[in-house]
N, C-alpha and C. Protein backbone atom coordinates (compact mmCIF):
# COMPACT_ATOMS: atom_id res chain seq x y z
N MET A 1 40.75 -57.88 22.56
CA MET A 1 40.97 -57.67 22.44
C MET A 1 40.48 -57.47 24.77
N ARG A 2 39.18 -58.82 24.62
CA ARG A 2 39.56 -59.25 25.81
C ARG A 2 40.92 -60.45 25.62
N SER A 3 41.95 -60.30 25.40
CA SER A 3 42.99 -61.11 25.30
C SER A 3 43.69 -60.42 26.87
N ILE A 4 43.44 -58.81 25.94
CA ILE A 4 43.85 -58.51 26.45
C ILE A 4 43.11 -58.15 28.27
N ALA A 5 43.13 -57.03 27.67
CA ALA A 5 41.68 -57.57 29.63
C ALA A 5 41.35 -58.81 30.26
N LEU A 6 41.80 -59.72 29.77
CA LEU A 6 41.96 -60.45 30.42
C LEU A 6 43.71 -60.72 31.71
N ALA A 7 44.67 -60.90 30.05
CA ALA A 7 45.90 -60.81 30.32
C ALA A 7 46.11 -59.75 31.94
N LEU A 8 45.69 -58.58 31.10
CA LEU A 8 45.81 -57.66 31.82
C LEU A 8 44.82 -58.09 33.42
N SER A 9 43.92 -58.46 33.67
CA SER A 9 43.04 -58.88 34.67
C SER A 9 44.42 -59.89 35.78
N LEU A 10 44.54 -60.95 35.23
CA LEU A 10 45.45 -61.92 35.20
C LEU A 10 46.44 -61.53 36.97
N VAL A 11 47.45 -60.57 35.92
CA VAL A 11 49.14 -59.95 35.84
C VAL A 11 48.07 -58.99 37.05
N SER A 12 47.08 -58.93 37.21
CA SER A 12 47.20 -57.43 38.95
C SER A 12 46.27 -58.87 39.49
N LEU A 13 45.77 -59.80 39.40
CA LEU A 13 45.67 -61.16 40.03
C LEU A 13 47.19 -61.40 40.95
N LEU A 14 47.94 -61.28 40.35
CA LEU A 14 49.30 -61.38 40.99
C LEU A 14 49.82 -60.31 42.39
N ALA A 15 49.61 -59.32 41.63
CA ALA A 15 49.98 -58.20 42.62
C ALA A 15 49.43 -58.71 44.11
N VAL A 16 48.05 -58.69 43.30
CA VAL A 16 47.24 -59.42 45.97
C VAL A 16 48.25 -60.21 45.61
N ALA A 17 48.89 -61.44 45.20
CA ALA A 17 48.65 -62.56 45.69
C ALA A 17 50.30 -62.44 46.09
N CYS A 18 50.71 -61.22 46.33
CA CYS A 18 52.21 -60.88 46.59
C CYS A 18 51.90 -60.17 47.79
N GLY A 19 50.77 -59.78 48.30
CA GLY A 19 51.76 -59.54 49.59
C GLY A 19 50.65 -57.49 49.02
N GLY A 20 50.20 -57.07 48.19
CA GLY A 20 48.98 -55.93 47.85
C GLY A 20 49.93 -54.82 47.85
N GLY A 21 50.25 -53.68 48.78
CA GLY A 21 50.41 -52.53 48.05
C GLY A 21 52.14 -52.74 49.26
N GLN A 22 53.19 -51.65 48.43
CA GLN A 22 54.67 -52.09 49.60
C GLN A 22 55.08 -50.85 49.28
N PRO A 23 56.39 -50.86 50.18
CA PRO A 23 57.30 -49.38 50.04
C PRO A 23 58.05 -49.75 48.60
N GLU A 24 59.02 -48.87 48.11
CA GLU A 24 59.95 -48.38 47.10
C GLU A 24 60.52 -50.76 47.76
N PRO A 25 60.96 -51.06 46.34
CA PRO A 25 62.15 -52.05 46.27
C PRO A 25 63.20 -52.07 47.06
N LYS A 26 63.93 -52.23 48.25
CA LYS A 26 64.97 -52.39 48.72
C LYS A 26 65.71 -53.25 47.39
N ALA A 27 67.25 -52.61 47.04
CA ALA A 27 67.87 -53.17 45.94
C ALA A 27 68.80 -54.46 47.56
N PRO A 28 68.97 -55.47 46.45
CA PRO A 28 69.04 -56.63 48.82
C PRO A 28 70.82 -57.12 47.68
N ASP A 29 70.73 -57.36 48.65
CA ASP A 29 72.78 -57.26 49.88
C ASP A 29 73.01 -58.47 48.66
N ALA A 30 72.79 -59.44 47.61
CA ALA A 30 73.04 -60.12 46.90
C ALA A 30 71.91 -60.88 46.00
N PRO A 31 72.09 -60.35 44.95
CA PRO A 31 71.39 -61.68 43.13
C PRO A 31 70.33 -61.87 44.51
N THR A 32 69.76 -61.94 43.75
CA THR A 32 68.20 -63.10 44.27
C THR A 32 68.55 -65.08 43.26
N PRO A 33 69.52 -65.41 43.09
CA PRO A 33 69.04 -66.75 42.06
C PRO A 33 68.11 -67.23 41.73
N PRO A 34 67.77 -66.81 39.45
CA PRO A 34 66.30 -67.06 39.19
C PRO A 34 66.41 -68.84 39.11
N SER A 35 64.67 -68.95 39.02
CA SER A 35 64.00 -69.84 39.23
C SER A 35 64.24 -71.35 37.33
N ALA A 36 64.75 -70.14 36.56
CA ALA A 36 65.25 -71.35 35.72
C ALA A 36 66.05 -70.23 35.15
N PRO A 37 67.28 -70.95 33.65
CA PRO A 37 68.81 -70.51 33.07
C PRO A 37 68.04 -69.11 32.51
N SER A 38 68.39 -68.16 32.69
CA SER A 38 68.86 -67.27 31.52
C SER A 38 69.11 -67.21 30.72
N ALA A 39 67.75 -66.57 29.29
CA ALA A 39 68.86 -66.42 28.05
C ALA A 39 70.02 -66.43 28.00
N PRO A 40 71.77 -67.04 26.52
CA PRO A 40 72.97 -67.20 26.63
C PRO A 40 72.74 -65.20 26.17
N THR A 41 73.49 -64.58 26.88
CA THR A 41 73.95 -63.41 26.04
C THR A 41 74.99 -63.30 25.00
N ALA A 42 75.18 -62.75 24.62
CA ALA A 42 76.10 -61.94 23.40
C ALA A 42 78.40 -61.99 24.52
N PRO A 43 78.61 -62.99 24.16
CA PRO A 43 79.86 -62.72 24.66
C PRO A 43 80.88 -60.76 24.40
N THR A 44 81.15 -60.52 25.73
CA THR A 44 81.77 -58.66 25.58
C THR A 44 83.11 -59.24 25.90
N ALA A 45 83.45 -57.87 24.51
CA ALA A 45 84.90 -57.97 24.00
C ALA A 45 85.66 -57.18 25.37
N ALA A 46 86.83 -57.30 25.57
CA ALA A 46 88.03 -57.52 26.20
C ALA A 46 87.49 -56.36 26.66
N ALA A 47 88.33 -55.48 27.72
CA ALA A 47 88.63 -54.62 27.96
C ALA A 47 90.26 -53.53 27.76
N PRO A 48 90.38 -52.34 26.71
CA PRO A 48 91.28 -52.45 26.50
C PRO A 48 92.35 -52.21 28.05
N ALA A 49 93.86 -52.52 27.47
CA ALA A 49 95.07 -53.03 29.02
C ALA A 49 94.19 -51.52 29.26
N GLY A 50 95.15 -51.29 30.63
CA GLY A 50 94.72 -50.38 30.74
C GLY A 50 93.77 -49.44 32.04
N THR A 51 92.94 -50.28 31.25
CA THR A 51 91.07 -49.39 31.70
C THR A 51 89.47 -50.47 32.42
N THR A 52 89.43 -50.44 32.76
CA THR A 52 88.61 -51.28 33.74
C THR A 52 87.53 -51.43 33.00
N ALA A 53 87.35 -52.82 33.31
CA ALA A 53 85.81 -53.32 31.77
C ALA A 53 84.72 -53.39 32.55
N GLU A 54 83.13 -51.97 32.55
CA GLU A 54 82.07 -53.10 33.56
C GLU A 54 81.27 -54.15 34.04
N PRO A 55 81.52 -54.60 35.34
CA PRO A 55 81.58 -55.07 35.47
C PRO A 55 80.20 -56.44 34.85
N ALA A 56 80.22 -57.33 34.51
CA ALA A 56 79.12 -57.73 34.23
C ALA A 56 77.71 -58.25 35.23
N ALA A 57 76.60 -57.76 34.76
CA ALA A 57 75.62 -58.22 35.57
C ALA A 57 75.21 -59.94 36.26
N PRO A 58 75.15 -60.20 36.72
CA PRO A 58 74.86 -61.58 37.95
C PRO A 58 73.63 -62.25 37.36
N ALA A 59 74.68 -63.70 37.05
CA ALA A 59 73.60 -64.26 36.79
C ALA A 59 72.18 -64.40 36.94
N GLY A 60 71.91 -63.70 38.07
CA GLY A 60 70.41 -63.59 39.12
C GLY A 60 69.35 -62.22 38.43
N GLY A 61 69.91 -61.52 38.34
CA GLY A 61 69.94 -59.72 38.14
C GLY A 61 70.91 -58.76 37.77
N PRO A 62 70.52 -57.73 37.60
CA PRO A 62 71.13 -57.04 36.79
C PRO A 62 72.63 -56.20 37.75
N ALA A 63 73.95 -55.87 37.90
CA ALA A 63 74.91 -55.52 38.48
C ALA A 63 74.17 -54.45 39.04
N LYS A 64 73.57 -53.50 38.99
CA LYS A 64 72.63 -51.95 38.91
C LYS A 64 70.90 -52.91 39.04
N ALA A 65 71.00 -52.17 40.44
CA ALA A 65 69.67 -52.14 41.13
C ALA A 65 68.53 -51.35 40.03
N PHE A 66 66.74 -51.77 39.38
CA PHE A 66 66.27 -51.29 37.98
C PHE A 66 66.27 -49.92 39.06
N LYS A 67 66.02 -49.73 40.11
CA LYS A 67 65.45 -48.42 40.50
C LYS A 67 66.90 -47.25 40.81
N ASP A 68 68.06 -47.50 40.79
CA ASP A 68 69.46 -47.65 40.93
C ASP A 68 69.55 -46.26 39.26
N MET A 69 68.33 -46.87 38.14
CA MET A 69 69.08 -47.15 36.69
C MET A 69 68.47 -46.05 36.67
N SER A 70 69.67 -45.74 35.66
CA SER A 70 68.89 -43.73 34.78
C SER A 70 67.60 -43.80 33.83
N PRO A 71 66.69 -43.90 33.82
CA PRO A 71 65.71 -44.10 32.77
C PRO A 71 66.63 -44.61 31.59
N ALA A 72 67.34 -43.91 30.21
CA ALA A 72 67.33 -45.11 29.25
C ALA A 72 68.06 -45.77 30.17
N GLU A 73 69.22 -46.06 30.67
CA GLU A 73 69.34 -47.38 31.66
C GLU A 73 68.29 -48.69 31.63
N LYS A 74 67.11 -48.13 31.96
CA LYS A 74 66.09 -48.00 32.52
C LYS A 74 65.28 -49.70 31.41
N LYS A 75 65.08 -48.04 30.13
CA LYS A 75 64.38 -48.61 29.08
C LYS A 75 65.69 -49.86 28.15
N ALA A 76 66.63 -49.71 28.33
CA ALA A 76 68.01 -50.73 27.68
C ALA A 76 66.93 -52.18 27.71
N HIS A 77 66.60 -51.34 29.18
CA HIS A 77 67.15 -52.54 30.48
C HIS A 77 65.44 -53.58 30.76
N MET A 78 64.63 -52.85 30.20
CA MET A 78 63.38 -53.21 29.67
C MET A 78 63.62 -54.03 28.73
N LYS A 79 64.38 -53.70 27.68
CA LYS A 79 64.05 -54.63 25.92
C LYS A 79 64.53 -55.08 25.77
N THR A 80 66.15 -54.96 27.04
CA THR A 80 66.57 -56.51 26.74
C THR A 80 67.07 -57.32 27.40
N VAL A 81 66.32 -57.07 28.74
CA VAL A 81 65.65 -58.27 30.15
C VAL A 81 64.71 -58.54 30.20
N VAL A 82 63.77 -57.36 31.24
CA VAL A 82 63.12 -57.89 31.33
C VAL A 82 61.36 -58.44 30.01
N MET A 83 61.65 -57.74 28.61
CA MET A 83 60.78 -57.87 27.66
C MET A 83 61.26 -59.82 27.33
N PRO A 84 62.25 -60.02 27.36
CA PRO A 84 62.78 -61.29 27.04
C PRO A 84 61.94 -61.95 28.34
N LYS A 85 62.94 -61.89 28.79
CA LYS A 85 62.66 -63.21 29.88
C LYS A 85 60.54 -63.11 30.93
N MET A 86 59.72 -62.07 30.63
CA MET A 86 58.50 -62.24 31.65
C MET A 86 58.50 -62.36 29.80
N THR A 87 58.15 -62.39 29.04
CA THR A 87 57.34 -63.41 27.69
C THR A 87 57.87 -64.44 27.69
N ALA A 88 58.72 -64.37 28.15
CA ALA A 88 58.46 -66.37 28.53
C ALA A 88 58.38 -67.24 29.50
N VAL A 89 58.36 -65.84 30.30
CA VAL A 89 56.88 -67.26 31.96
C VAL A 89 55.31 -66.43 31.43
N PHE A 90 55.08 -65.86 31.13
CA PHE A 90 53.93 -65.58 30.30
C PHE A 90 53.36 -66.69 29.29
N GLN A 91 54.34 -66.97 28.49
CA GLN A 91 54.18 -67.78 27.08
C GLN A 91 54.05 -69.67 27.73
N ALA A 92 55.52 -69.62 28.20
CA ALA A 92 55.26 -71.36 29.17
C ALA A 92 53.15 -70.91 30.35
N PHE A 93 53.58 -69.77 30.74
CA PHE A 93 51.72 -70.71 31.69
C PHE A 93 50.79 -70.49 30.74
N ASP A 94 50.87 -69.73 28.97
CA ASP A 94 48.99 -70.15 28.56
C ASP A 94 49.74 -69.08 27.37
N LYS A 95 50.56 -69.96 26.02
CA LYS A 95 51.24 -68.92 25.10
C LYS A 95 49.88 -68.59 24.14
N LYS A 96 48.67 -69.19 24.09
CA LYS A 96 47.31 -68.71 23.03
C LYS A 96 47.24 -67.77 23.92
N GLU A 97 46.96 -67.63 25.62
CA GLU A 97 46.16 -66.39 25.43
C GLU A 97 47.49 -65.09 26.24
N PHE A 98 49.44 -65.56 26.21
CA PHE A 98 50.25 -64.36 25.72
C PHE A 98 50.68 -64.62 24.97
N ALA A 99 50.39 -64.47 23.41
CA ALA A 99 50.93 -64.43 22.06
C ALA A 99 51.75 -63.25 22.30
N GLU A 100 50.35 -61.75 22.17
CA GLU A 100 51.63 -61.03 22.00
C GLU A 100 51.64 -60.26 23.12
N VAL A 101 53.47 -60.32 23.86
CA VAL A 101 52.88 -59.94 24.50
C VAL A 101 53.47 -57.78 25.01
N ASN A 102 53.89 -57.14 25.03
CA ASN A 102 54.37 -55.90 24.71
C ASN A 102 54.19 -55.14 25.90
N CYS A 103 55.06 -54.25 25.58
CA CYS A 103 54.93 -53.40 26.54
C CYS A 103 53.48 -52.45 27.56
N MET A 104 52.44 -52.89 26.64
CA MET A 104 51.33 -52.65 26.87
C MET A 104 50.88 -53.47 27.75
N THR A 105 51.06 -54.54 27.36
CA THR A 105 50.63 -56.14 28.60
C THR A 105 50.65 -55.58 30.33
N CYS A 106 52.12 -55.08 30.31
CA CYS A 106 51.91 -54.57 31.98
C CYS A 106 51.28 -52.87 32.42
N HIS A 107 52.35 -52.45 31.28
CA HIS A 107 51.48 -50.78 31.78
C HIS A 107 50.30 -49.61 31.14
N GLY A 108 49.99 -51.09 30.29
CA GLY A 108 48.44 -50.22 29.73
C GLY A 108 48.25 -49.55 28.40
N ALA A 109 47.37 -48.68 27.73
CA ALA A 109 47.50 -47.33 26.86
C ALA A 109 48.61 -47.49 26.67
N SER A 110 48.52 -46.38 27.67
CA SER A 110 49.78 -45.15 28.37
C SER A 110 51.46 -45.51 27.82
N ALA A 111 51.44 -46.44 27.53
CA ALA A 111 52.67 -46.73 27.36
C ALA A 111 53.07 -46.49 25.99
N LYS A 112 51.62 -46.02 25.57
CA LYS A 112 51.54 -45.61 23.63
C LYS A 112 52.21 -44.64 24.04
N THR A 113 52.33 -43.79 24.76
CA THR A 113 52.57 -41.96 24.67
C THR A 113 54.13 -41.69 26.35
N GLY A 114 54.71 -43.62 26.01
CA GLY A 114 55.75 -42.92 26.87
C GLY A 114 56.10 -42.56 28.57
N ASN A 115 54.76 -43.16 28.60
CA ASN A 115 54.09 -43.22 30.22
C ASN A 115 54.70 -44.40 31.22
N PHE A 116 55.09 -44.40 30.72
CA PHE A 116 55.10 -46.42 31.87
C PHE A 116 55.22 -46.50 33.49
N ALA A 117 54.43 -45.62 34.64
CA ALA A 117 54.62 -45.21 35.29
C ALA A 117 53.57 -46.85 36.45
N MET A 118 53.79 -47.36 37.11
CA MET A 118 53.81 -48.36 37.50
C MET A 118 53.22 -47.43 39.75
N PRO A 119 52.59 -48.53 40.10
CA PRO A 119 51.07 -49.57 39.40
C PRO A 119 51.15 -49.04 38.69
N ASN A 120 49.58 -49.45 37.28
CA ASN A 120 48.97 -49.85 36.47
C ASN A 120 47.64 -49.50 37.18
N ALA A 121 47.34 -48.23 37.40
CA ALA A 121 45.45 -48.99 37.20
C ALA A 121 44.29 -49.11 35.91
N SER A 122 44.82 -49.12 35.32
CA SER A 122 44.51 -50.32 33.33
C SER A 122 44.43 -51.61 34.30
N LEU A 123 44.99 -52.35 35.05
CA LEU A 123 44.83 -53.40 35.11
C LEU A 123 44.42 -54.16 36.68
N PRO A 124 43.67 -55.17 37.27
CA PRO A 124 42.78 -56.00 37.32
C PRO A 124 43.86 -55.52 39.08
N LYS A 125 42.40 -54.44 40.72
CA LYS A 125 43.22 -54.42 40.75
C LYS A 125 42.84 -55.28 42.87
N LEU A 126 43.37 -56.01 43.48
CA LEU A 126 43.67 -56.64 43.58
C LEU A 126 43.27 -56.53 45.26
N SER A 127 42.60 -57.96 46.03
CA SER A 127 42.78 -58.36 47.60
C SER A 127 42.74 -58.08 47.93
N PRO A 128 43.99 -58.12 49.12
CA PRO A 128 44.77 -59.36 49.55
C PRO A 128 43.76 -60.50 50.69
N ALA A 129 42.76 -60.22 50.99
CA ALA A 129 41.76 -60.08 52.04
C ALA A 129 41.77 -61.63 52.25
N ASP A 130 42.21 -61.68 52.89
CA ASP A 130 42.25 -63.68 53.20
C ASP A 130 42.72 -64.41 52.25
N MET A 131 44.17 -64.21 52.48
CA MET A 131 45.19 -64.67 51.71
C MET A 131 45.04 -64.45 50.31
N PHE A 132 43.85 -63.45 49.12
CA PHE A 132 43.54 -63.52 48.30
C PHE A 132 42.65 -63.90 48.30
N LYS A 133 41.72 -65.09 48.52
CA LYS A 133 40.63 -65.34 48.73
C LYS A 133 39.66 -65.00 47.35
N LYS A 134 40.01 -64.60 47.21
CA LYS A 134 38.31 -63.61 45.63
C LYS A 134 38.83 -63.87 44.61
N HIS A 135 40.39 -63.64 44.50
CA HIS A 135 41.60 -64.03 43.55
C HIS A 135 41.97 -65.78 42.99
N MET A 136 42.39 -65.87 44.07
CA MET A 136 42.35 -67.85 44.77
C MET A 136 41.34 -68.62 43.91
N THR A 137 39.83 -67.47 44.32
CA THR A 137 38.20 -68.61 44.39
C THR A 137 37.75 -68.02 42.80
N ALA A 138 38.04 -67.44 42.48
CA ALA A 138 38.25 -66.86 40.70
C ALA A 138 38.88 -67.20 39.79
N LYS A 139 40.16 -67.00 40.57
CA LYS A 139 41.39 -67.19 39.20
C LYS A 139 42.50 -68.07 40.08
N PRO A 140 42.22 -69.98 39.60
CA PRO A 140 43.06 -69.94 41.81
C PRO A 140 44.78 -70.87 40.91
N GLU A 141 44.57 -70.81 39.20
CA GLU A 141 45.67 -71.18 38.37
C GLU A 141 46.27 -69.44 37.68
N MET A 142 45.95 -68.32 37.46
CA MET A 142 46.33 -67.44 37.59
C MET A 142 46.62 -67.23 39.38
N THR A 143 46.23 -66.74 39.96
CA THR A 143 47.13 -66.31 40.71
C THR A 143 48.12 -67.04 41.56
N LYS A 144 48.21 -68.58 41.52
CA LYS A 144 49.06 -69.03 41.93
C LYS A 144 50.03 -68.85 40.86
N PHE A 145 50.00 -68.20 39.31
CA PHE A 145 51.15 -68.73 38.60
C PHE A 145 51.93 -67.60 38.76
N MET A 146 50.96 -66.38 38.81
CA MET A 146 51.97 -65.05 39.21
C MET A 146 52.14 -64.70 41.03
N MET A 147 51.78 -66.13 41.81
CA MET A 147 52.71 -66.49 43.09
C MET A 147 53.37 -66.96 42.97
N GLN A 148 53.84 -67.40 42.19
CA GLN A 148 54.80 -68.52 42.27
C GLN A 148 55.58 -68.25 41.29
N LYS A 149 55.53 -67.75 40.22
CA LYS A 149 56.54 -67.31 38.57
C LYS A 149 56.18 -65.99 38.90
N VAL A 150 55.59 -65.15 38.94
CA VAL A 150 55.81 -64.05 37.56
C VAL A 150 56.68 -62.83 39.47
N VAL A 151 55.88 -63.49 39.92
CA VAL A 151 56.85 -61.77 41.56
C VAL A 151 58.90 -62.53 41.59
N PRO A 152 58.23 -63.97 41.84
CA PRO A 152 59.71 -63.91 41.42
C PRO A 152 60.94 -63.64 40.43
N GLU A 153 59.85 -63.55 39.26
CA GLU A 153 61.70 -63.94 37.62
C GLU A 153 61.26 -61.61 38.21
N MET A 154 59.52 -61.85 38.05
CA MET A 154 59.84 -59.86 38.06
C MET A 154 61.32 -59.26 38.92
N ALA A 155 61.52 -59.45 40.33
CA ALA A 155 62.19 -58.96 41.36
C ALA A 155 63.41 -58.93 40.65
N ALA A 156 63.00 -60.71 40.64
CA ALA A 156 64.84 -60.93 39.74
C ALA A 156 65.71 -60.03 38.63
N THR A 157 64.49 -59.49 37.69
CA THR A 157 65.63 -59.24 36.37
C THR A 157 64.76 -57.60 37.21
N LEU A 158 64.93 -57.07 37.78
CA LEU A 158 64.05 -55.93 39.23
C LEU A 158 65.48 -55.36 39.14
N GLY A 159 66.55 -56.60 40.28
CA GLY A 159 67.56 -56.37 41.10
C GLY A 159 67.54 -56.59 42.19
N ALA A 160 65.41 -57.02 42.27
CA ALA A 160 65.48 -56.63 44.07
C ALA A 160 64.24 -57.94 44.79
N LYS A 161 63.87 -58.45 45.87
CA LYS A 161 64.19 -59.46 46.84
C LYS A 161 62.55 -59.81 46.45
N ALA A 162 61.74 -60.53 46.23
CA ALA A 162 60.76 -60.94 45.99
C ALA A 162 59.96 -60.42 47.51
N TYR A 163 58.98 -59.99 47.84
CA TYR A 163 58.44 -59.70 48.28
C TYR A 163 58.29 -60.10 49.50
N ASP A 164 58.56 -59.56 50.64
CA ASP A 164 58.21 -60.87 51.83
C ASP A 164 57.68 -60.36 52.43
N PRO A 165 55.88 -61.14 52.79
CA PRO A 165 55.55 -60.88 54.01
C PRO A 165 54.56 -60.46 55.42
N LYS A 166 56.56 -61.34 56.21
CA LYS A 166 56.57 -61.41 56.74
C LYS A 166 57.15 -59.49 57.15
N THR A 167 58.39 -59.33 56.64
CA THR A 167 58.69 -58.02 56.75
C THR A 167 57.98 -56.48 55.33
N HIS A 168 57.62 -56.85 55.12
CA HIS A 168 56.69 -56.55 53.74
C HIS A 168 57.66 -56.15 53.35
N GLU A 169 58.87 -56.01 52.47
CA GLU A 169 59.90 -54.95 51.80
C GLU A 169 59.48 -56.37 51.33
N GLY A 170 59.99 -55.70 49.52
CA GLY A 170 60.67 -56.36 48.41
C GLY A 170 59.77 -56.16 47.52
N PHE A 171 59.90 -56.76 45.97
CA PHE A 171 58.46 -56.52 45.55
C PHE A 171 58.13 -57.76 45.38
N GLY A 172 56.79 -56.66 44.72
CA GLY A 172 54.52 -57.89 45.24
C GLY A 172 54.45 -57.04 44.50
N CYS A 173 53.39 -57.84 44.28
CA CYS A 173 52.06 -58.12 43.35
C CYS A 173 51.96 -56.00 43.41
N GLY A 174 51.64 -55.71 44.44
CA GLY A 174 51.97 -54.31 44.24
C GLY A 174 53.00 -53.50 43.66
N GLY A 175 53.62 -53.37 43.08
CA GLY A 175 54.73 -53.00 41.94
C GLY A 175 53.53 -52.81 40.12
N CYS A 176 52.62 -54.29 40.49
CA CYS A 176 52.18 -53.31 39.16
C CYS A 176 50.88 -53.50 39.06
N HIS A 177 50.66 -53.81 40.40
CA HIS A 177 48.63 -53.81 40.14
C HIS A 177 48.39 -52.60 41.47
N VAL A 178 47.40 -52.71 41.23
CA VAL A 178 46.30 -51.17 42.34
C VAL A 178 46.26 -51.67 43.16
N ILE A 179 46.31 -52.08 45.00
CA ILE A 179 45.28 -52.94 45.98
C ILE A 179 45.06 -51.78 46.84
N GLU A 180 43.57 -52.57 46.40
CA GLU A 180 43.15 -52.28 47.16
C GLU A 180 42.14 -51.66 48.42
N LYS A 181 41.73 -51.28 49.51
CA LYS A 181 42.89 -51.21 50.52
C LYS A 181 41.31 -51.52 51.13
């Protein structure tokens, strides 16, 4: 239980480190390439003659931004793209702490009942004051990890741009964490 609480706290730090609350992410003009190679995917069958095949997702993200997906598409995308990618990201940082990554790691206990609303109030609340000084002091490695790895990787899996503090647009810490006002 402590591991889950710590993991949720650390994930919350990510939200603070990434610019706090922000508006709904806008779909990027072009896909953002991942910082690490994606896992190989199974080859797809060619479309029958006279039909048009669905375009494959670009290497940097989905063919359709997450915010534009239907609920069924979102569920499938979370299972087949987000979970494998983000599990690898978290376990590369701390294999022991993140040995068991599942829906509740980010969405909290409400995921058990099908509620995947974000941001998740059960994750640590983040304070963007003084460039996240509170979090950089308390958990510098976790905060840096969230800012440098989790935010850009998660943004890429969602087909969104990572948060830009200059424009206050894109996916950032506030996508998962509640940001203190």
